[in-house]
Amino acid sequence: MFIVSYSELVLAQCKTGIVGSFPALNACPAELLDEWLIQIQAVLAEHRAANPEAIIGPIAMNQIVH
């Protein structure tokens, strides 16, 4: 799902209880990656607080290293 995986899709996946994953390269420019991670953590924390019984899926980031 390269190119189409972005923060909103990750949030939707995690909120349904499955792994929310995306390639780090999709956050372009590189500074956007920090924004995505902060946003994802904040939104999931709000969702967890509002839905204490919900199962929240983990986040998986594909980091390409050469």
N, C-alpha and C. Protein backbone atom coordinates (compact mmCIF):
# COMPACT_ATOMS: atom_id res chain seq x y z
N MET A 1 0.82 -1.18 0.00
CA MET A 1 0.00 0.00 0.00
C MET A 1 0.87 1.25 0.00
N PHE A 2 2.01 1.13 -0.65
CA PHE A 2 2.91 2.26 -0.77
C PHE A 2 2.19 3.43 -1.42
N ILE A 3 2.47 4.60 -1.00
CA ILE A 3 1.92 5.88 -1.45
C ILE A 3 0.54 6.17 -0.85
N VAL A 4 -0.34 5.18 -0.72
CA VAL A 4 -1.68 5.48 -0.22
C VAL A 4 -1.78 5.36 1.30
N SER A 5 -0.76 4.83 1.97
CA SER A 5 -0.78 4.74 3.42
C SER A 5 -0.33 6.06 4.02
N TYR A 6 -1.19 6.68 4.79
CA TYR A 6 -0.89 7.97 5.40
C TYR A 6 -1.53 7.99 6.78
N SER A 7 -1.37 9.06 7.51
CA SER A 7 -1.77 9.08 8.92
C SER A 7 -3.25 8.77 9.14
N GLU A 8 -4.14 9.28 8.31
CA GLU A 8 -5.57 9.03 8.51
C GLU A 8 -5.91 7.55 8.33
N LEU A 9 -5.26 6.88 7.39
CA LEU A 9 -5.49 5.46 7.19
C LEU A 9 -4.96 4.67 8.38
N VAL A 10 -3.80 5.03 8.88
CA VAL A 10 -3.23 4.38 10.06
C VAL A 10 -4.18 4.53 11.25
N LEU A 11 -4.72 5.70 11.44
CA LEU A 11 -5.67 5.93 12.53
C LEU A 11 -6.91 5.04 12.39
N ALA A 12 -7.43 4.97 11.19
CA ALA A 12 -8.62 4.14 10.97
C ALA A 12 -8.31 2.67 11.26
N GLN A 13 -7.15 2.21 10.85
CA GLN A 13 -6.76 0.81 11.10
C GLN A 13 -6.63 0.56 12.61
N CYS A 14 -5.90 1.42 13.29
CA CYS A 14 -5.68 1.24 14.73
C CYS A 14 -6.98 1.28 15.51
N LYS A 15 -7.88 2.17 15.13
CA LYS A 15 -9.15 2.30 15.84
C LYS A 15 -10.03 1.06 15.68
N THR A 16 -9.81 0.29 14.63
CA THR A 16 -10.58 -0.95 14.45
C THR A 16 -9.89 -2.15 15.09
N GLY A 17 -8.72 -1.92 15.68
CA GLY A 17 -8.04 -2.98 16.40
C GLY A 17 -6.99 -3.74 15.61
N ILE A 18 -6.72 -3.30 14.39
CA ILE A 18 -5.68 -3.96 13.60
C ILE A 18 -4.43 -3.09 13.55
N VAL A 19 -3.35 -3.65 13.04
CA VAL A 19 -2.09 -2.91 12.94
C VAL A 19 -2.25 -1.80 11.91
N GLY A 20 -1.89 -0.59 12.30
CA GLY A 20 -1.87 0.55 11.37
C GLY A 20 -0.45 0.73 10.89
N SER A 21 -0.22 0.53 9.62
CA SER A 21 1.16 0.58 9.13
C SER A 21 1.30 1.52 7.94
N PHE A 22 2.50 2.03 7.81
CA PHE A 22 2.82 2.91 6.68
C PHE A 22 4.33 2.94 6.49
N PRO A 23 4.78 3.19 5.24
CA PRO A 23 6.20 3.39 5.00
C PRO A 23 6.60 4.79 5.44
N ALA A 24 7.70 4.93 6.12
CA ALA A 24 8.17 6.24 6.56
C ALA A 24 8.37 7.19 5.38
N LEU A 25 8.71 6.64 4.23
CA LEU A 25 8.93 7.48 3.05
C LEU A 25 7.68 8.19 2.56
N ASN A 26 6.51 7.72 2.96
CA ASN A 26 5.27 8.38 2.54
C ASN A 26 5.12 9.75 3.18
N ALA A 27 5.79 9.97 4.29
CA ALA A 27 5.76 11.28 4.95
C ALA A 27 6.86 12.13 4.30
N CYS A 28 6.47 12.86 3.32
CA CYS A 28 7.43 13.65 2.57
C CYS A 28 6.93 15.09 2.51
N PRO A 29 7.72 16.05 2.93
CA PRO A 29 9.13 15.99 3.32
C PRO A 29 9.32 15.28 4.65
N ALA A 30 10.56 14.98 4.98
CA ALA A 30 10.90 14.18 6.16
C ALA A 30 10.35 14.78 7.46
N GLU A 31 10.23 16.10 7.53
CA GLU A 31 9.71 16.76 8.73
C GLU A 31 8.26 16.35 9.01
N LEU A 32 7.56 15.92 7.98
CA LEU A 32 6.17 15.53 8.13
C LEU A 32 6.03 14.26 8.97
N LEU A 33 7.07 13.43 9.00
CA LEU A 33 7.02 12.19 9.78
C LEU A 33 6.78 12.48 11.26
N ASP A 34 7.48 13.44 11.81
CA ASP A 34 7.26 13.82 13.22
C ASP A 34 5.82 14.27 13.44
N GLU A 35 5.30 15.07 12.53
CA GLU A 35 3.91 15.54 12.66
C GLU A 35 2.94 14.38 12.64
N TRP A 36 3.16 13.42 11.73
CA TRP A 36 2.29 12.25 11.65
C TRP A 36 2.31 11.45 12.95
N LEU A 37 3.51 11.18 13.45
CA LEU A 37 3.62 10.36 14.66
C LEU A 37 2.99 11.05 15.87
N ILE A 38 3.18 12.35 15.97
CA ILE A 38 2.56 13.11 17.07
C ILE A 38 1.05 13.10 16.94
N GLN A 39 0.56 13.33 15.73
CA GLN A 39 -0.89 13.33 15.48
C GLN A 39 -1.49 11.96 15.77
N ILE A 40 -0.85 10.90 15.29
CA ILE A 40 -1.37 9.55 15.50
C ILE A 40 -1.45 9.24 16.98
N GLN A 41 -0.39 9.53 17.72
CA GLN A 41 -0.39 9.25 19.16
C GLN A 41 -1.48 10.05 19.88
N ALA A 42 -1.64 11.31 19.53
CA ALA A 42 -2.62 12.17 20.19
C ALA A 42 -4.05 11.69 19.90
N VAL A 43 -4.34 11.40 18.66
CA VAL A 43 -5.69 10.97 18.29
C VAL A 43 -6.02 9.62 18.92
N LEU A 44 -5.05 8.71 18.93
CA LEU A 44 -5.31 7.41 19.55
C LEU A 44 -5.49 7.53 21.06
N ALA A 45 -4.77 8.45 21.69
CA ALA A 45 -4.94 8.67 23.12
C ALA A 45 -6.35 9.20 23.41
N GLU A 46 -6.84 10.11 22.58
CA GLU A 46 -8.21 10.63 22.73
C GLU A 46 -9.23 9.52 22.53
N HIS A 47 -8.99 8.70 21.51
CA HIS A 47 -9.91 7.59 21.21
C HIS A 47 -9.93 6.59 22.37
N ARG A 48 -8.76 6.30 22.91
CA ARG A 48 -8.65 5.37 24.04
C ARG A 48 -9.40 5.92 25.27
N ALA A 49 -9.27 7.23 25.50
CA ALA A 49 -9.94 7.85 26.65
C ALA A 49 -11.45 7.84 26.47
N ALA A 50 -11.91 8.06 25.26
CA ALA A 50 -13.35 8.10 24.99
C ALA A 50 -13.96 6.70 24.89
N ASN A 51 -13.12 5.72 24.58
CA ASN A 51 -13.60 4.34 24.40
C ASN A 51 -12.69 3.39 25.16
N PRO A 52 -12.78 3.38 26.49
CA PRO A 52 -11.83 2.60 27.30
C PRO A 52 -11.85 1.10 27.03
N GLU A 53 -12.94 0.58 26.50
CA GLU A 53 -13.01 -0.85 26.22
C GLU A 53 -12.55 -1.20 24.81
N ALA A 54 -12.27 -0.21 24.00
CA ALA A 54 -11.86 -0.45 22.60
C ALA A 54 -10.48 -1.08 22.54
N ILE A 55 -10.31 -1.94 21.58
CA ILE A 55 -8.99 -2.51 21.31
C ILE A 55 -8.33 -1.61 20.27
N ILE A 56 -7.18 -1.07 20.63
CA ILE A 56 -6.44 -0.17 19.75
C ILE A 56 -5.27 -0.95 19.16
N GLY A 57 -5.21 -0.99 17.84
CA GLY A 57 -4.12 -1.70 17.18
C GLY A 57 -2.81 -0.95 17.28
N PRO A 58 -1.70 -1.66 17.19
CA PRO A 58 -0.39 -1.02 17.25
C PRO A 58 -0.05 -0.30 15.95
N ILE A 59 0.98 0.51 16.01
CA ILE A 59 1.47 1.24 14.85
C ILE A 59 2.73 0.53 14.35
N ALA A 60 2.82 0.35 13.04
CA ALA A 60 4.02 -0.24 12.45
C ALA A 60 4.51 0.69 11.34
N MET A 61 5.74 1.13 11.48
CA MET A 61 6.32 2.02 10.47
C MET A 61 7.43 1.26 9.75
N ASN A 62 7.37 1.21 8.44
CA ASN A 62 8.39 0.56 7.64
C ASN A 62 9.50 1.57 7.39
N GLN A 63 10.62 1.35 8.04
CA GLN A 63 11.76 2.27 7.90
C GLN A 63 12.79 1.58 7.00
N ILE A 64 13.06 2.16 5.85
CA ILE A 64 14.03 1.60 4.89
C ILE A 64 15.42 2.09 5.27
N VAL A 65 16.31 1.13 5.47
CA VAL A 65 17.67 1.46 5.85
C VAL A 65 18.63 0.79 4.87
N HIS A 66 19.56 1.55 4.36
CA HIS A 66 20.53 0.97 3.42
C HIS A 66 21.89 0.91 4.09
